[in-house]
C-alpha atoms as a PDB file:
ATOM      1  CA  MET A   1    -111.591 -15.659 -37.951  1.00  0.00           C
ATOM      2  CA  LYS A   2    -109.697 -13.003 -36.058  1.00  0.00           C
ATOM      3  CA  ILE A   3    -107.221 -13.837 -33.304  1.00  0.00           C
ATOM      4  CA  LYS A   4    -105.831 -10.969 -31.268  1.00  0.00           C
ATOM      5  CA  THR A   5    -103.507 -10.463 -28.355  1.00  0.00           C
ATOM      6  CA  ALA A   6    -105.688 -10.071 -25.287  1.00  0.00           C
ATOM      7  CA  LEU A   7    -105.499  -6.849 -23.322  1.00  0.00           C
ATOM      8  CA  GLU A   8    -106.095  -6.546 -19.582  1.00  0.00           C
ATOM      9  CA  THR A   9    -109.642  -5.430 -20.477  1.00  0.00           C
ATOM     10  CA  ASP A  10    -110.138  -8.778 -22.246  1.00  0.00           C
ATOM     11  CA  GLN A  11    -109.193 -10.824 -19.187  1.00  0.00           C
ATOM     12  CA  ALA A  12    -112.736 -11.406 -17.888  1.00  0.00           C
ATOM     13  CA  GLY A  13    -113.994 -12.546 -21.305  1.00  0.00           C
ATOM     14  CA  ALA A  14    -111.018 -14.840 -21.834  1.00  0.00           C
ATOM     15  CA  ILE A  15    -111.381 -16.412 -18.401  1.00  0.00           C
ATOM     16  CA  SER A  16    -115.123 -16.874 -18.946  1.00  0.00           C
ATOM     17  CA  VAL A  17    -114.636 -18.758 -22.214  1.00  0.00           C
ATOM     18  CA  LEU A  18    -111.935 -20.933 -20.639  1.00  0.00           C
ATOM     19  CA  THR A  19    -114.321 -21.734 -17.782  1.00  0.00           C
ATOM     20  CA  LEU A  20    -116.910 -22.841 -20.353  1.00  0.00           C
ATOM     21  CA  ALA A  21    -114.371 -24.838 -22.354  1.00  0.00           C
ATOM     22  CA  PHE A  22    -113.001 -26.729 -19.370  1.00  0.00           C
ATOM     23  CA  THR A  23    -116.434 -27.903 -18.170  1.00  0.00           C
ATOM     24  CA  VAL A  24    -115.754 -31.073 -20.190  1.00  0.00           C
ATOM     25  CA  ASP A  25    -112.017 -31.367 -19.483  1.00  0.00           C
ATOM     26  CA  PRO A  26    -111.297 -34.688 -17.755  1.00  0.00           C
ATOM     27  CA  MET A  27    -108.671 -33.373 -15.307  1.00  0.00           C
ATOM     28  CA  ALA A  28    -110.545 -30.163 -14.463  1.00  0.00           C
ATOM     29  CA  ARG A  29    -113.753 -32.038 -13.674  1.00  0.00           C
ATOM     30  CA  TRP A  30    -112.038 -34.885 -11.833  1.00  0.00           C
ATOM     31  CA  SER A  31    -110.281 -32.397  -9.562  1.00  0.00           C
ATOM     32  CA  LEU A  32    -113.358 -30.157  -9.186  1.00  0.00           C
ATOM     33  CA  SER A  33    -116.177 -32.678  -9.505  1.00  0.00           C
ATOM     34  CA  ASP A  34    -118.850 -30.617  -7.742  1.00  0.00           C
ATOM     35  CA  PRO A  35    -120.425 -28.278 -10.343  1.00  0.00           C
ATOM     36  CA  ALA A  36    -120.943 -25.392  -7.910  1.00  0.00           C
ATOM     37  CA  THR A  37    -117.344 -25.628  -6.699  1.00  0.00           C
ATOM     38  CA  TYR A  38    -116.088 -25.773 -10.282  1.00  0.00           C
ATOM     39  CA  LEU A  39    -118.033 -22.660 -11.308  1.00  0.00           C
ATOM     40  CA  ALA A  40    -117.076 -20.746  -8.155  1.00  0.00           C
ATOM     41  CA  THR A  41    -113.382 -21.657  -8.331  1.00  0.00           C
ATOM     42  CA  PHE A  42    -112.286 -22.110 -11.923  1.00  0.00           C
ATOM     43  CA  SER A  43    -111.739 -18.424 -12.749  1.00  0.00           C
ATOM     44  CA  SER A  44    -109.312 -18.147  -9.820  1.00  0.00           C
ATOM     45  CA  ILE A  45    -107.546 -21.327 -10.938  1.00  0.00           C
ATOM     46  CA  THR A  46    -107.261 -19.914 -14.462  1.00  0.00           C
ATOM     47  CA  LYS A  47    -105.713 -16.696 -13.128  1.00  0.00           C
ATOM     48  CA  ALA A  48    -103.217 -18.642 -11.005  1.00  0.00           C
ATOM     49  CA  PHE A  49    -102.350 -21.084 -13.788  1.00  0.00           C
ATOM     50  CA  GLY A  50    -102.047 -18.713 -16.738  1.00  0.00           C
ATOM     51  CA  GLY A  51    -103.000 -15.209 -15.659  1.00  0.00           C
ATOM     52  CA  SER A  52     -99.494 -13.818 -16.079  1.00  0.00           C
ATOM     53  CA  ALA A  53     -99.991 -14.264 -19.846  1.00  0.00           C
ATOM     54  CA  PHE A  54    -102.073 -11.067 -19.785  1.00  0.00           C
ATOM     55  CA  GLU A  55     -99.183  -9.108 -18.255  1.00  0.00           C
ATOM     56  CA  GLN A  56     -96.713 -10.694 -20.700  1.00  0.00           C
ATOM     57  CA  GLY A  57     -98.838  -9.916 -23.772  1.00  0.00           C
ATOM     58  CA  THR A  58     -99.052 -13.636 -24.579  1.00  0.00           C
ATOM     59  CA  ALA A  59    -102.760 -14.241 -24.010  1.00  0.00           C
ATOM     60  CA  TYR A  60    -104.819 -14.618 -27.172  1.00  0.00           C
ATOM     61  CA  VAL A  61    -108.557 -14.463 -27.823  1.00  0.00           C
ATOM     62  CA  ALA A  62    -110.698 -15.372 -30.802  1.00  0.00           C
ATOM     63  CA  ASN A  63    -113.300 -12.894 -32.005  1.00  0.00           C
ATOM     64  CA  GLY A  64    -116.319 -12.652 -29.745  1.00  0.00           C
ATOM     65  CA  PHE A  65    -114.477 -14.535 -26.985  1.00  0.00           C
ATOM     66  CA  THR A  66    -115.244 -17.836 -28.696  1.00  0.00           C
ATOM     67  CA  GLY A  67    -111.855 -19.133 -27.564  1.00  0.00           C
ATOM     68  CA  ALA A  68    -108.731 -18.170 -25.642  1.00  0.00           C
ATOM     69  CA  ALA A  69    -105.169 -19.347 -25.110  1.00  0.00           C
ATOM     70  CA  LEU A  70    -102.858 -18.362 -22.265  1.00  0.00           C
ATOM     71  CA  TRP A  71     -99.172 -18.823 -23.120  1.00  0.00           C
ATOM     72  CA  LEU A  72     -96.274 -18.230 -20.749  1.00  0.00           C
ATOM     73  CA  PRO A  73     -93.029 -17.214 -22.480  1.00  0.00           C
ATOM     74  CA  PRO A  74     -89.629 -18.345 -21.201  1.00  0.00           C
ATOM     75  CA  GLY A  75     -89.117 -17.094 -17.653  1.00  0.00           C
ATOM     76  CA  ALA A  76     -92.826 -16.484 -16.911  1.00  0.00           C
ATOM     77  CA  LYS A  77     -94.414 -18.824 -14.407  1.00  0.00           C
ATOM     78  CA  SER A  78     -97.758 -19.925 -13.056  1.00  0.00           C
ATOM     79  CA  ASP A  79     -98.592 -18.861  -9.513  1.00  0.00           C
ATOM     80  CA  GLU A  80     -97.949 -22.375  -8.214  1.00  0.00           C
ATOM     81  CA  LYS A  81     -98.492 -21.487  -4.561  1.00  0.00           C
ATOM     82  CA  SER A  82    -101.985 -20.109  -5.259  1.00  0.00           C
ATOM     83  CA  LEU A  83    -102.767 -22.931  -7.664  1.00  0.00           C
ATOM     84  CA  LYS A  84    -101.905 -25.627  -5.128  1.00  0.00           C
ATOM     85  CA  ARG A  85    -103.827 -23.774  -2.401  1.00  0.00           C
ATOM     86  CA  LEU A  86    -106.934 -23.461  -4.592  1.00  0.00           C
ATOM     87  CA  PHE A  87    -106.908 -27.149  -5.430  1.00  0.00           C
ATOM     88  CA  ASP A  88    -106.199 -28.109  -1.819  1.00  0.00           C
ATOM     89  CA  GLU A  89    -109.139 -26.012  -0.596  1.00  0.00           C
ATOM     90  CA  ASN A  90    -111.565 -27.190  -3.268  1.00  0.00           C
ATOM     91  CA  THR A  91    -110.852 -30.819  -4.131  1.00  0.00           C
ATOM     92  CA  ASN A  92    -112.385 -33.757  -2.327  1.00  0.00           C
ATOM     93  CA  ASP A  93    -110.240 -35.157   0.481  1.00  0.00           C
ATOM     94  CA  ASP A  94    -110.021 -38.575  -1.179  1.00  0.00           C
ATOM     95  CA  ILE A  95    -108.017 -37.178  -4.138  1.00  0.00           C
ATOM     96  CA  LYS A  96    -105.768 -34.627  -2.419  1.00  0.00           C
ATOM     97  CA  GLU A  97    -102.822 -37.034  -2.268  1.00  0.00           C
ATOM     98  CA  ASP A  98    -103.267 -37.887  -5.950  1.00  0.00           C
ATOM     99  CA  MET A  99    -103.353 -34.167  -6.796  1.00  0.00           C
ATOM    100  CA  GLN A 100    -100.015 -33.710  -5.028  1.00  0.00           C
ATOM    101  CA  VAL A 101     -98.507 -36.605  -6.997  1.00  0.00           C
ATOM    102  CA  ILE A 102     -99.832 -35.112 -10.252  1.00  0.00           C
ATOM    103  CA  PHE A 103     -98.270 -31.718  -9.494  1.00  0.00           C
ATOM    104  CA  GLU A 104     -94.949 -33.421  -8.727  1.00  0.00           C
ATOM    105  CA  GLN A 105     -95.084 -35.416 -11.961  1.00  0.00           C
ATOM    106  CA  MET A 106     -95.980 -32.303 -13.979  1.00  0.00           C
ATOM    107  CA  GLU A 107     -92.914 -30.572 -12.602  1.00  0.00           C
ATOM    108  CA  LYS A 108     -90.684 -33.472 -13.674  1.00  0.00           C
ATOM    109  CA  PHE A 109     -91.866 -33.262 -17.285  1.00  0.00           C
ATOM    110  CA  HIS A 110     -91.467 -29.486 -17.639  1.00  0.00           C
ATOM    111  CA  PRO A 111     -88.366 -28.826 -19.757  1.00  0.00           C
ATOM    112  CA  ALA A 112     -85.355 -27.536 -17.825  1.00  0.00           C
ATOM    113  CA  GLU A 113     -84.320 -25.300 -20.721  1.00  0.00           C
ATOM    114  CA  PRO A 114     -86.149 -22.033 -21.522  1.00  0.00           C
ATOM    115  CA  HIS A 115     -89.492 -22.788 -23.173  1.00  0.00           C
ATOM    116  CA  TRP A 116     -92.952 -21.481 -23.949  1.00  0.00           C
ATOM    117  CA  TYR A 117     -95.650 -23.117 -21.833  1.00  0.00           C
ATOM    118  CA  LEU A 118     -99.344 -23.399 -22.677  1.00  0.00           C
ATOM    119  CA  PRO A 119    -101.183 -23.806 -19.375  1.00  0.00           C
ATOM    120  CA  MET A 120    -104.620 -23.268 -20.931  1.00  0.00           C
ATOM    121  CA  ILE A 121    -106.343 -23.177 -24.300  1.00  0.00           C
ATOM    122  CA  GLY A 122    -110.052 -23.616 -24.816  1.00  0.00           C
ATOM    123  CA  VAL A 123    -112.991 -22.976 -27.091  1.00  0.00           C
ATOM    124  CA  ASP A 124    -116.593 -22.336 -26.090  1.00  0.00           C
ATOM    125  CA  PRO A 125    -118.364 -25.706 -26.530  1.00  0.00           C
ATOM    126  CA  ALA A 126    -120.958 -23.963 -28.737  1.00  0.00           C
ATOM    127  CA  HIS A 127    -118.161 -23.086 -31.200  1.00  0.00           C
ATOM    128  CA  GLN A 128    -115.952 -26.186 -31.077  1.00  0.00           C
ATOM    129  CA  GLY A 129    -115.070 -27.884 -34.337  1.00  0.00           C
ATOM    130  CA  ALA A 130    -114.819 -24.620 -36.295  1.00  0.00           C
ATOM    131  CA  GLY A 131    -111.009 -24.333 -36.277  1.00  0.00           C
ATOM    132  CA  ILE A 132    -110.797 -21.795 -33.450  1.00  0.00           C
ATOM    133  CA  GLY A 133    -108.398 -23.879 -31.356  1.00  0.00           C
ATOM    134  CA  SER A 134    -106.147 -24.402 -34.361  1.00  0.00           C
ATOM    135  CA  ALA A 135    -106.182 -20.677 -35.174  1.00  0.00           C
ATOM    136  CA  LEU A 136    -105.278 -19.831 -31.572  1.00  0.00           C
ATOM    137  CA  MET A 137    -102.394 -22.327 -31.679  1.00  0.00           C
ATOM    138  CA  ALA A 138    -101.102 -21.042 -35.020  1.00  0.00           C
ATOM    139  CA  GLU A 139    -101.093 -17.418 -33.857  1.00  0.00           C
ATOM    140  CA  ALA A 140     -99.190 -18.117 -30.650  1.00  0.00           C
ATOM    141  CA  LEU A 141     -96.725 -20.486 -32.304  1.00  0.00           C
ATOM    142  CA  LYS A 142     -95.572 -17.624 -34.537  1.00  0.00           C
ATOM    143  CA  ALA A 143     -93.987 -16.036 -31.447  1.00  0.00           C
ATOM    144  CA  VAL A 144     -92.564 -19.377 -30.315  1.00  0.00           C
ATOM    145  CA  ASP A 145     -90.960 -19.893 -33.726  1.00  0.00           C
ATOM    146  CA  ARG A 146     -89.598 -16.324 -33.831  1.00  0.00           C
ATOM    147  CA  ASP A 147     -87.836 -17.169 -30.563  1.00  0.00           C
ATOM    148  CA  ARG A 148     -86.642 -20.505 -32.010  1.00  0.00           C
ATOM    149  CA  SER A 149     -87.858 -21.962 -28.743  1.00  0.00           C
ATOM    150  CA  ILE A 150     -89.395 -25.224 -27.651  1.00  0.00           C
ATOM    151  CA  ALA A 151     -93.014 -25.306 -26.468  1.00  0.00           C
ATOM    152  CA  TYR A 152     -94.635 -27.495 -23.832  1.00  0.00           C
ATOM    153  CA  LEU A 153     -98.180 -28.319 -22.707  1.00  0.00           C
ATOM    154  CA  GLU A 154    -100.187 -30.976 -20.898  1.00  0.00           C
ATOM    155  CA  SER A 155    -103.529 -32.380 -22.060  1.00  0.00           C
ATOM    156  CA  SER A 156    -105.998 -34.656 -20.302  1.00  0.00           C
ATOM    157  CA  ASN A 157    -108.481 -34.559 -23.166  1.00  0.00           C
ATOM    158  CA  PRO A 158    -107.712 -37.320 -25.690  1.00  0.00           C
ATOM    159  CA  ARG A 159    -109.749 -35.462 -28.348  1.00  0.00           C
ATOM    160  CA  ASN A 160    -107.231 -32.596 -28.303  1.00  0.00           C
ATOM    161  CA  ILE A 161    -104.081 -34.667 -28.838  1.00  0.00           C
ATOM    162  CA  SER A 162    -104.462 -34.708 -32.634  1.00  0.00           C
ATOM    163  CA  LEU A 163    -104.839 -30.895 -32.685  1.00  0.00           C
ATOM    164  CA  TYR A 164    -101.578 -30.499 -30.811  1.00  0.00           C
ATOM    165  CA  GLU A 165     -99.851 -33.087 -32.991  1.00  0.00           C
ATOM    166  CA  ARG A 166    -100.903 -31.186 -36.135  1.00  0.00           C
ATOM    167  CA  HIS A 167     -99.064 -28.200 -34.679  1.00  0.00           C
ATOM    168  CA  GLY A 168     -95.879 -30.192 -34.087  1.00  0.00           C
ATOM    169  CA  PHE A 169     -96.282 -31.399 -30.498  1.00  0.00           C
ATOM    170  CA  GLU A 170     -95.379 -34.950 -29.497  1.00  0.00           C
ATOM    171  CA  VAL A 171     -96.555 -36.890 -26.445  1.00  0.00           C
ATOM    172  CA  ILE A 172     -93.532 -37.442 -24.186  1.00  0.00           C
ATOM    173  CA  GLY A 173     -95.116 -39.434 -21.359  1.00  0.00           C
ATOM    174  CA  GLU A 174     -98.122 -39.917 -19.123  1.00  0.00           C
ATOM    175  CA  ILE A 175     -99.042 -38.441 -15.756  1.00  0.00           C
ATOM    176  CA  GLN A 176    -101.599 -40.275 -13.641  1.00  0.00           C
ATOM    177  CA  SER A 177    -102.276 -41.067 -10.002  1.00  0.00           C
ATOM    178  CA  GLY A 178    -105.025 -43.099  -8.366  1.00  0.00           C
ATOM    179  CA  SER A 179    -108.386 -42.453 -10.002  1.00  0.00           C
ATOM    180  CA  SER A 180    -107.190 -39.446 -12.017  1.00  0.00           C
ATOM    181  CA  PRO A 181    -107.519 -39.236 -15.771  1.00  0.00           C
ATOM    182  CA  VAL A 182    -104.288 -39.526 -17.747  1.00  0.00           C
ATOM    183  CA  LEU A 183    -102.536 -36.218 -18.361  1.00  0.00           C
ATOM    184  CA  ARG A 184    -100.254 -36.265 -21.400  1.00  0.00           C
ATOM    185  CA  PRO A 185     -97.238 -33.940 -21.410  1.00  0.00           C
ATOM    186  CA  MET A 186     -96.383 -32.810 -24.939  1.00  0.00           C
ATOM    187  CA  LEU A 187     -93.303 -31.118 -26.378  1.00  0.00           C
ATOM    188  CA  ARG A 188     -92.758 -29.201 -29.616  1.00  0.00           C
ATOM    189  CA  LYS A 189     -89.170 -28.908 -30.776  1.00  0.00           C
ATOM    190  CA  ALA A 190     -87.715 -25.548 -31.726  1.00  0.00           C
ATOM    191  CA  ARG A 191     -88.190 -24.522 -35.342  1.00  0.00           C
END
């Protein structure tokens, strides 16, 4: 399996596979429960959440766009203003307050020290279980380890926790509000 650094020309393919992958993500589908809204909005959310990884050279894709990972190196940030606006415009009114609480809790768990952040990783559901997610993690963690940096992510999918743990991440808490699924912040110590 070949993992490569994604170029700007790979952005559409990477975002498409992430859109497919997140169709079964508990937090993504709770916050965007209407299928048409999810499909119309998720590419913009992906760009706001992790799109700067393409500019930083820290976006990775598996051959044939079977999977993608968007990593933000120390100092790079998500476009939080756009992200909050997109969720505010597209989530049901009855969960908007919970979404705000979740964003606030996410901010509290983010490490204060410089760190690598994984806003999004996903594998096309037709290719899950073949080691693509693990290969994407291993490739990106080479850069994290070269930097001797910590790494951070959040996961709402309980099935993915063991993958992250195999790569050295530990659950450091829980984020949840109202009817939302539990989002687990995870930290990987510097190596």
